[in-house]
Protein backbone atom coordinates (compact mmCIF):
# COMPACT_ATOMS: atom_id res chain seq x y z
CA MET A 1 112.63 -24.31 214.88
CA CYS A 2 110.89 -26.47 212.30
CA THR A 3 109.10 -29.45 213.46
CA LEU A 4 108.44 -32.54 211.48
CA LYS A 5 104.76 -31.56 211.35
CA HIS A 6 105.60 -28.19 209.73
CA TYR A 7 107.90 -29.87 207.24
CA ILE A 8 105.23 -32.41 206.22
CA THR A 9 102.62 -29.62 205.88
CA TYR A 10 105.05 -27.66 203.72
CA LEU A 11 105.71 -30.69 201.48
CA CYS A 12 101.97 -31.32 201.11
CA GLN A 13 101.37 -27.71 200.10
CA MET A 14 104.19 -27.86 197.54
CA ARG A 15 102.81 -31.09 196.10
CA ILE A 16 99.37 -29.47 195.75
CA ILE A 17 100.87 -26.40 194.04
CA PHE A 18 102.93 -28.63 191.74
CA PHE A 19 99.87 -30.76 190.94
CA LEU A 20 97.71 -27.69 190.19
CA THR A 21 100.45 -26.23 187.98
CA ILE A 22 100.59 -29.46 185.98
CA LEU A 23 96.80 -29.48 185.64
CA PHE A 24 96.89 -25.88 184.39
CA PHE A 25 99.42 -26.64 181.63
CA ILE A 26 97.93 -29.93 180.36
CA PRO A 27 95.03 -28.22 178.47
CA ALA A 28 97.48 -25.76 176.91
CA VAL A 29 99.63 -28.60 175.60
CA ASN A 30 96.57 -30.46 174.31
CA ALA A 31 95.25 -27.30 172.62
CA GLN A 32 98.32 -27.24 170.41
CA ASP A 33 97.57 -30.76 169.26
CA THR A 34 93.98 -29.98 168.24
CA PRO A 35 93.24 -29.07 164.62
CA GLU A 36 91.95 -25.62 165.68
CA TYR A 37 95.00 -23.96 164.15
CA LYS A 38 93.99 -25.58 160.88
CA LYS A 39 90.50 -23.99 160.82
CA VAL A 40 89.98 -22.45 157.42
CA ASN A 41 87.15 -20.42 155.99
CA PRO A 42 86.94 -21.55 152.35
CA GLU A 43 87.31 -19.27 149.36
CA VAL A 44 84.02 -17.91 148.02
CA LYS A 45 83.18 -16.48 144.59
CA ARG A 46 79.84 -14.78 143.93
CA PHE A 47 78.36 -13.66 140.63
CA VAL A 48 75.10 -11.79 141.30
CA PHE A 49 72.95 -8.99 139.92
CA GLN A 50 70.15 -7.05 141.53
CA PRO A 51 67.44 -5.35 139.45
CA ASN A 52 65.84 -2.03 140.47
CA THR A 53 69.05 -0.86 142.15
CA ILE A 54 71.56 1.93 141.60
CA ILE A 55 75.07 2.54 142.85
CA THR A 56 75.31 5.76 144.84
CA LYS A 57 78.87 7.03 144.79
CA ARG A 58 79.71 9.67 147.42
CA ILE A 59 82.97 11.48 146.82
CA TYR A 60 84.39 12.84 150.07
CA ASP A 61 87.79 13.87 148.77
CA SER A 62 88.80 14.69 145.24
CA ILE A 63 89.82 11.05 144.61
CA TYR A 64 88.32 8.96 147.45
CA PHE A 65 84.72 7.80 147.65
CA ASP A 66 82.38 5.31 149.24
CA LEU A 67 79.36 3.44 147.90
CA SER A 68 75.86 2.39 148.74
CA TYR A 69 73.25 0.42 146.86
CA ASP A 70 69.88 2.13 146.66
CA LYS A 71 66.52 1.54 144.96
CA GLY A 72 66.52 2.76 141.39
CA LYS A 73 65.73 1.94 137.78
CA LYS A 74 69.01 0.23 136.87
CA TRP A 75 70.54 -3.19 137.41
CA VAL A 76 73.70 -3.62 139.46
CA PHE A 77 76.05 -6.53 138.77
CA MET A 78 78.67 -7.67 141.29
CA TYR A 79 81.51 -10.14 141.09
CA SER A 80 83.06 -10.79 144.50
CA TYR A 81 85.86 -13.04 145.64
CA LYS A 82 86.87 -13.82 149.21
CA ALA A 83 90.11 -15.78 149.55
CA LYS A 84 90.66 -18.73 151.84
CA ASP A 85 91.10 -17.42 155.39
CA TYR A 86 93.06 -19.19 158.11
CA GLU A 87 91.49 -18.23 161.46
CA MET A 88 94.74 -18.46 163.40
CA ILE A 89 96.69 -16.21 160.99
CA ALA A 90 96.35 -12.47 161.49
CA ASP A 91 95.89 -10.18 158.50
CA ASP A 92 95.66 -12.89 155.83
CA GLU A 93 92.16 -11.81 154.79
CA TYR A 94 91.72 -10.81 151.15
CA PHE A 95 88.71 -9.93 149.04
CA GLU A 96 88.01 -8.13 145.82
CA SER A 97 84.96 -7.12 143.86
CA ILE A 98 83.96 -5.53 140.58
CA ILE A 99 80.59 -3.81 140.36
CA PHE A 100 78.79 -1.89 137.64
CA GLU A 101 75.30 -0.70 136.78
CA ILE A 102 73.40 -0.85 133.50
CA ASP A 103 69.98 0.14 132.21
CA PRO A 104 67.69 -2.90 132.19
CA PRO A 105 68.65 -4.79 129.01
CA LYS A 106 66.12 -4.46 126.21
CA GLY A 107 67.29 -7.69 124.58
CA ASN A 108 69.45 -10.65 125.48
CA THR A 109 72.82 -8.85 125.43
CA PHE A 110 74.61 -5.79 126.76
CA SER A 111 78.05 -4.29 126.35
CA ILE A 112 80.08 -1.66 128.22
CA LYS A 113 83.21 -0.27 126.59
CA THR A 114 85.93 2.10 127.82
CA PRO A 115 84.10 5.41 127.09
CA GLN A 116 81.08 4.17 129.10
CA PHE A 117 82.95 3.01 132.24
CA LEU A 118 82.45 6.23 134.21
CA ASN A 119 78.67 6.35 133.50
CA ALA A 120 78.32 2.63 134.25
CA LYS A 121 80.18 3.18 137.55
CA VAL A 122 82.55 0.27 136.93
CA ILE A 123 84.28 0.06 140.30
CA TYR A 124 86.95 -2.24 141.68
CA ASN A 125 87.40 -2.84 145.40
CA ARG A 126 90.28 -4.64 147.07
CA GLY A 127 90.31 -5.48 150.77
CA CYS A 128 93.56 -6.67 152.26
CA PHE A 129 96.27 -5.80 154.73
CA CYS A 130 98.19 -4.03 151.97
CA PRO A 131 98.83 -0.48 150.76
CA ASP A 132 96.73 -0.91 147.59
CA ALA A 133 93.44 -1.67 149.36
CA GLY A 134 90.29 0.33 148.70
CA LEU A 135 87.80 1.42 146.07
CA ARG A 136 88.74 2.81 142.69
CA GLN A 137 86.86 3.82 139.59
CA LEU A 138 87.86 1.81 136.52
CA TYR A 139 88.14 3.59 133.19
CA GLU A 140 89.36 0.99 130.71
CA GLY A 141 88.16 -2.36 129.42
CA THR A 142 85.18 -4.26 128.08
CA ILE A 143 82.25 -5.93 129.81
CA THR A 144 79.78 -8.02 127.82
CA GLY A 145 76.70 -9.92 128.93
CA ARG A 146 74.48 -12.46 127.27
CA LYS A 147 71.27 -13.89 128.70
CA ASN A 148 71.69 -17.65 128.97
CA GLU A 149 68.63 -18.87 130.81
CA LYS A 150 65.86 -17.31 132.81
CA ASN A 151 67.57 -14.86 135.21
CA ILE A 152 71.10 -16.06 134.37
CA TRP A 153 73.50 -13.75 132.55
CA VAL A 154 76.87 -14.96 131.27
CA VAL A 155 79.12 -11.93 131.78
CA SER A 156 82.72 -11.53 130.60
CA ILE A 157 84.80 -8.85 132.29
CA ASP A 158 88.13 -7.65 130.92
CA VAL A 159 89.31 -4.55 132.79
CA GLN A 160 92.45 -2.57 133.48
CA ILE A 161 92.99 -1.94 137.22
CA GLU A 162 95.14 1.09 137.93
CA PRO A 163 96.92 1.46 141.29
CA ARG A 164 94.89 3.19 143.97
CA PRO A 165 95.11 7.00 143.71
CA GLY A 166 98.23 8.26 145.44
CA ARG A 167 100.07 4.93 144.99
CA GLU A 168 102.70 4.06 142.46
CA GLY A 169 102.70 0.82 140.51
CA LEU A 170 101.72 -0.82 137.30
CA ALA A 171 98.19 -1.39 136.06
CA VAL A 172 96.92 -4.96 136.22
CA ASN A 173 94.66 -6.61 133.66
CA LYS A 174 91.83 -8.64 135.18
CA LYS A 175 89.76 -11.09 133.10
CA LEU A 176 86.93 -13.23 134.38
CA LYS A 177 83.71 -14.83 133.24
CA GLY A 178 80.75 -15.96 135.31
CA ASN A 179 77.09 -16.90 135.45
CA PHE A 180 75.41 -14.00 137.24
CA LYS A 181 72.17 -14.85 139.03
CA SER A 182 69.57 -12.54 140.52
CA ALA A 183 70.25 -12.19 144.25
CA LYS A 184 70.91 -9.57 146.91
CA LEU A 185 74.24 -7.83 146.41
CA ILE A 186 75.04 -8.00 150.10
CA ASN A 187 74.30 -11.17 152.10
């Protein structure tokens, strides 16, 4: 037998539960209205070179390798690009880089042509949520550099990027030009 007192207690408890439920969902509704879903990391391009450095290429399979940058008597140049990244979107990250090493220039210019690409360790790297991601040695193209100001080299890169080993596809031509400044290769 329910008494009026039990019924009123029950109604009060239900009102409290209802009120707490509403309080729980209000921040969730407001969170959708905030610009957090619009947070974007901007695109970044870097053109840098580092003297007294070499590229160490470790081959761990007949076609796959990894890299490190070590102290040495050469100069390593790196172009890197990181695309705009939306924080609330999964797997939209993209970056690419082209690196190469040269003997310290004796004058105000340098040039690397197709036959020299393997020795100069001209390497392309693509990072993305895609089947063609990864490092690959480049074999074809032209890279020229001209000293512009103190520690600034204007470098033009025109390379042929083959699909990653084991993948089918067409080669892509990549052309770019930038003012390379002396800085650490990796921030």
